Amino acid sequence: MEERIRLKGERQGLRLFLDEESPFAEILASLEQQLQRGEGFFRGASLMVDVGNRELDRGEVLALAALLEKWGVELRALGTDNRQSRGAIREAGLRSVPSSAAPAPPAEPLQRLSASADALFITRTVRSGQSFRHHGAITVVGDVNPGAEVIAGGDVVVWGRLRGFVHAGAIGDERAIVCALELAPTQLRIAGLAARPPEESAPSAGPEVAHIEGGRIVVEPWDTFRRG
C-alpha cells in the first residue's frame, strides 16, 4: 500500500490512516487505486478513517465518504485532532473521534507482508454463515465449513478441512497462499484470480497449497511446494 495510506487492525476493526501532508486529491486517487486493487477485501468492510491534524472542509468529507460508499465500504467514523475538520465532519452528518498516532511506515508495502505478520488465529471451526476478515494472515485451527468465508490480506492456513469460501492476498498480494489439510473450497481466490474445484475430485492425500504461478492458480502437495 502506498505510504499515503496505511491500514491497521484494531479490536474495533480496521483503521485507515491518511497522510496529513499530501494534497487531498492525490489522497483520494491513491485510496481509489487501493480500494480497486483490494476490492475483495474491502467490499463489505467497516472502516475508521484517521486524518490526523489534516484540515478538511465539508465537501472533502463528503467526497471521502462517497468514494468509500462507491466501493462498498462502511465509514464508521473519522479520526481527527483538527477543530475545523471536526466541524466539517459533523456538518456532513458523520461521526468524529480523536485521532490515533499513525503507525510507522512499513518496511515494505502492506500487500508484501509475510504470512506471519500480524496474523489472526481462529481456534475453532468456522461454521456456515460466519465470516472472518483480517488485513494480515489468517490461521484456522479447525474446519471451514461450506457457507463460511475467510478473507485475508495475507496467507490463509487451515489446520483442518477447507470447504467454504476463501480469499487470500485480498489486498492485492499475488504471493499469498492458501494451505489446508483438506483443500476443497467452494471457491478459492488469491489476489485478483479465482478458481473453483472440479465437479468431481478425489479427496486429497495430504496437505495441499494453492498459489499463483504463471498467471493462474495452481494446487500442489505441501511437501513439494517452495515459495519463490
Protein backbone atom coordinates (compact mmCIF):
# COMPACT_ATOMS: atom_id res chain seq x y z
CA MET A 1 0.00 0.00 0.00
CA GLU A 2 1.30 3.44 -0.81
CA GLU A 3 2.77 5.47 2.05
CA ARG A 4 -0.07 7.97 1.71
CA ILE A 5 -2.43 5.29 3.04
CA ARG A 6 -1.75 2.85 5.87
CA LEU A 7 -4.00 0.15 7.26
CA LYS A 8 -4.00 -1.09 10.83
CA GLY A 9 -6.14 -3.71 12.53
CA GLU A 10 -7.66 -2.89 15.91
CA ARG A 11 -10.09 -4.58 18.28
CA GLN A 12 -12.85 -2.34 16.96
CA GLY A 13 -12.00 -3.21 13.35
CA LEU A 14 -9.86 -1.64 10.64
CA ARG A 15 -8.42 1.87 10.84
CA LEU A 16 -7.17 3.57 7.68
CA PHE A 17 -4.59 6.33 8.17
CA LEU A 18 -4.37 9.07 5.52
CA ASP A 19 -1.18 11.11 5.14
CA GLU A 20 -1.62 14.61 6.54
CA GLU A 21 0.67 16.40 4.06
CA SER A 22 -0.22 15.08 0.59
CA PRO A 23 -2.78 17.03 -1.48
CA PHE A 24 -6.27 15.75 -0.81
CA ALA A 25 -6.91 14.96 -4.48
CA GLU A 26 -3.83 12.72 -4.52
CA ILE A 27 -5.04 11.01 -1.33
CA LEU A 28 -8.39 10.22 -2.94
CA ALA A 29 -6.72 8.92 -6.11
CA SER A 30 -4.38 6.66 -4.11
CA LEU A 31 -7.26 5.44 -1.98
CA GLU A 32 -9.37 4.56 -5.01
CA GLN A 33 -6.47 2.63 -6.53
CA GLN A 34 -6.08 0.65 -3.30
CA LEU A 35 -9.81 0.00 -2.99
CA GLN A 36 -9.90 -1.25 -6.56
CA ARG A 37 -6.83 -3.45 -6.08
CA GLY A 38 -8.21 -4.94 -2.87
CA GLU A 39 -11.91 -4.90 -3.73
CA GLY A 40 -12.42 -8.45 -2.48
CA PHE A 41 -11.08 -7.44 0.92
CA PHE A 42 -12.63 -4.01 1.36
CA ARG A 43 -16.13 -4.54 -0.07
CA GLY A 44 -18.47 -5.05 2.88
CA ALA A 45 -15.85 -3.90 5.40
CA SER A 46 -16.34 -1.23 8.05
CA LEU A 47 -13.52 1.32 8.36
CA MET A 48 -12.42 4.04 10.73
CA VAL A 49 -10.56 6.66 8.68
CA ASP A 50 -7.94 8.69 10.55
CA VAL A 51 -6.90 12.04 9.03
CA GLY A 52 -4.77 13.22 11.96
CA ASN A 53 -4.44 17.01 12.02
CA ARG A 54 -5.42 17.49 8.36
CA GLU A 55 -7.87 20.34 7.84
CA LEU A 56 -10.92 19.14 5.92
CA ASP A 57 -13.97 21.02 4.72
CA ARG A 58 -17.46 19.56 4.34
CA GLY A 59 -17.00 18.92 0.62
CA GLU A 60 -13.82 16.90 1.21
CA VAL A 61 -15.51 14.85 3.92
CA LEU A 62 -18.43 14.07 1.62
CA ALA A 63 -16.06 13.19 -1.24
CA LEU A 64 -14.21 10.73 1.00
CA ALA A 65 -17.46 9.17 2.23
CA ALA A 66 -18.80 8.89 -1.33
CA LEU A 67 -15.63 7.16 -2.53
CA LEU A 68 -15.83 4.57 0.22
CA GLU A 69 -19.54 4.02 -0.45
CA LYS A 70 -18.78 3.53 -4.16
CA TRP A 71 -16.57 0.56 -3.26
CA GLY A 72 -19.00 -0.89 -0.73
CA VAL A 73 -17.13 0.25 2.40
CA GLU A 74 -18.92 1.48 5.52
CA LEU A 75 -17.35 4.59 7.09
CA ARG A 76 -17.76 4.10 10.85
CA ALA A 77 -16.16 7.38 11.87
CA LEU A 78 -13.40 9.85 11.07
CA GLY A 79 -10.50 10.33 13.47
CA THR A 80 -9.14 13.87 13.70
CA ASP A 81 -7.38 16.31 16.03
CA ASN A 82 -8.32 19.33 13.91
CA ARG A 83 -11.13 21.57 15.17
CA GLN A 84 -12.28 22.65 11.69
CA SER A 85 -12.29 19.05 10.49
CA ARG A 86 -14.46 18.02 13.44
CA GLY A 87 -16.97 20.70 12.49
CA ALA A 88 -16.95 19.64 8.84
CA ILE A 89 -17.48 16.01 9.82
CA ARG A 90 -20.49 16.96 11.95
CA GLU A 91 -21.90 19.11 9.12
CA ALA A 92 -21.63 16.11 6.82
CA GLY A 93 -23.68 14.07 9.29
CA LEU A 94 -20.82 11.77 10.22
CA ARG A 95 -19.17 10.82 13.50
CA SER A 96 -15.78 12.18 14.57
CA VAL A 97 -13.45 10.67 17.17
CA PRO A 98 -9.97 11.63 18.42
CA SER A 99 -7.12 10.71 16.12
CA SER A 100 -4.69 7.90 16.95
CA ALA A 101 -0.98 8.09 16.27
CA ALA A 102 -0.33 6.90 12.73
CA PRO A 103 1.71 3.69 12.56
CA ALA A 104 5.28 3.89 11.33
CA PRO A 105 5.69 3.25 7.60
CA PRO A 106 6.14 -0.46 6.94
CA ALA A 107 9.50 -1.66 5.65
CA GLU A 108 7.68 -2.86 2.54
CA PRO A 109 4.18 -2.29 1.13
CA LEU A 110 1.31 -3.87 3.05
CA GLN A 111 0.48 -6.26 0.24
CA ARG A 112 4.01 -7.71 0.56
CA LEU A 113 3.85 -8.56 4.25
CA SER A 114 4.84 -12.12 5.09
CA ALA A 115 2.43 -14.79 6.23
CA SER A 116 3.44 -14.42 9.88
CA ALA A 117 2.97 -10.65 10.07
CA ASP A 118 0.08 -9.58 12.31
CA ALA A 119 -1.73 -12.89 11.92
CA LEU A 120 -5.22 -13.71 13.18
CA PHE A 121 -5.58 -17.13 14.84
CA ILE A 122 -9.02 -18.76 14.93
CA THR A 123 -9.08 -21.81 17.18
CA ARG A 124 -12.46 -23.23 16.29
CA THR A 125 -14.47 -24.39 13.31
CA VAL A 126 -15.78 -21.59 11.09
CA ARG A 127 -19.42 -22.51 10.51
CA SER A 128 -21.87 -21.71 7.73
CA GLY A 129 -22.89 -18.05 7.82
CA GLN A 130 -19.74 -16.94 9.65
CA SER A 131 -17.26 -14.58 8.01
CA PHE A 132 -13.75 -13.62 9.12
CA ARG A 133 -11.88 -10.74 7.50
CA HIS A 134 -8.37 -9.66 8.52
CA HIS A 135 -5.74 -7.40 6.94
CA GLY A 136 -2.91 -9.86 7.72
CA ALA A 137 -2.66 -13.63 7.51
CA ILE A 138 -5.33 -15.94 8.97
CA THR A 139 -4.72 -19.34 10.54
CA VAL A 140 -7.70 -21.54 11.37
CA VAL A 141 -7.21 -24.46 13.76
CA GLY A 142 -10.38 -26.28 12.78
CA ASP A 143 -12.56 -26.67 9.71
CA VAL A 144 -14.02 -24.02 7.42
CA ASN A 145 -17.48 -25.35 6.58
CA PRO A 146 -19.48 -24.75 3.38
CA GLY A 147 -21.24 -21.39 3.63
CA ALA A 148 -18.43 -19.86 5.71
CA GLU A 149 -15.91 -17.38 4.38
CA VAL A 150 -12.35 -16.41 5.27
CA ILE A 151 -10.86 -13.27 3.68
CA ALA A 152 -7.25 -12.31 4.41
CA GLY A 153 -4.81 -9.70 3.23
CA GLY A 154 -2.07 -12.33 3.58
CA ASP A 155 -1.93 -16.13 3.60
CA VAL A 156 -4.70 -18.46 4.77
CA VAL A 157 -3.70 -21.68 6.56
CA VAL A 158 -6.39 -24.11 7.69
CA TRP A 159 -5.42 -26.91 10.07
CA GLY A 160 -8.47 -28.89 9.06
CA ARG A 161 -10.89 -29.19 6.13
CA LEU A 162 -11.37 -26.11 3.98
CA ARG A 163 -14.79 -26.41 2.30
CA GLY A 164 -16.06 -22.81 2.35
CA PHE A 165 -15.10 -19.62 0.51
CA VAL A 166 -11.51 -18.42 0.90
CA HIS A 167 -9.72 -15.32 -0.41
CA ALA A 168 -6.01 -14.87 0.33
CA GLY A 169 -3.97 -11.86 -0.70
CA ALA A 170 -7.22 -9.93 -0.89
CA ILE A 171 -5.47 -6.55 -0.80
CA GLY A 172 -3.53 -7.46 -3.93
CA ASP A 173 -0.73 -9.79 -2.77
CA GLU A 174 -0.14 -12.32 -5.55
CA ARG A 175 2.48 -14.10 -3.40
CA ALA A 176 -0.16 -15.16 -0.86
CA ILE A 177 -1.01 -18.85 -0.48
CA VAL A 178 -3.90 -20.97 0.74
CA CYS A 179 -2.99 -24.17 2.57
CA ALA A 180 -5.23 -26.79 4.21
CA LEU A 181 -5.09 -30.37 5.41
CA GLU A 182 -8.01 -30.98 3.05
CA LEU A 183 -8.35 -28.34 0.34
CA ALA A 184 -11.88 -28.49 -1.13
CA PRO A 185 -13.26 -24.91 -1.10
CA THR A 186 -16.49 -23.87 -2.77
CA GLN A 187 -14.45 -21.03 -4.26
CA LEU A 188 -10.82 -20.06 -3.86
CA ARG A 189 -9.37 -16.64 -4.67
CA ILE A 190 -5.84 -15.30 -4.47
CA ALA A 191 -5.41 -11.57 -5.13
CA GLY A 192 -7.46 -10.92 -8.30
CA LEU A 193 -7.61 -14.53 -9.54
CA ALA A 194 -10.33 -17.10 -8.80
CA ALA A 195 -10.50 -20.89 -9.06
CA ARG A 196 -13.22 -23.44 -8.43
CA PRO A 197 -12.65 -27.12 -7.62
CA PRO A 198 -13.54 -29.74 -10.24
CA GLU A 199 -17.12 -31.01 -10.15
CA GLU A 200 -15.80 -34.42 -9.12
CA SER A 201 -12.45 -34.70 -7.38
CA ALA A 202 -10.88 -37.33 -5.16
CA PRO A 203 -10.06 -36.33 -1.57
CA SER A 204 -6.50 -35.06 -1.21
CA ALA A 205 -3.92 -37.49 0.13
CA GLY A 206 -2.47 -34.84 2.44
CA PRO A 207 -1.99 -31.12 2.96
CA GLU A 208 -2.14 -29.04 -0.21
CA VAL A 209 -1.25 -25.47 -1.06
CA ALA A 210 -2.75 -23.18 -3.69
CA HIS A 211 -0.67 -20.35 -5.11
CA ILE A 212 -0.31 -18.24 -8.23
CA GLU A 213 2.10 -19.47 -10.86
CA GLY A 214 2.25 -18.34 -14.47
CA GLY A 215 -0.76 -16.09 -14.10
CA ARG A 216 -3.09 -18.79 -12.76
CA ILE A 217 -3.88 -20.57 -9.50
CA VAL A 218 -2.22 -23.97 -9.13
CA VAL A 219 -2.54 -26.57 -6.37
CA GLU A 220 0.23 -28.91 -5.28
CA PRO A 221 1.16 -31.06 -2.26
CA TRP A 222 2.57 -29.07 0.63
CA ASP A 223 5.75 -31.16 0.82
CA THR A 224 6.69 -30.24 -2.77
CA PHE A 225 5.79 -26.55 -2.58
CA ARG A 226 8.51 -23.95 -2.31
CA ARG A 227 7.59 -20.29 -2.09
CA GLY A 228 9.62 -18.23 -4.57
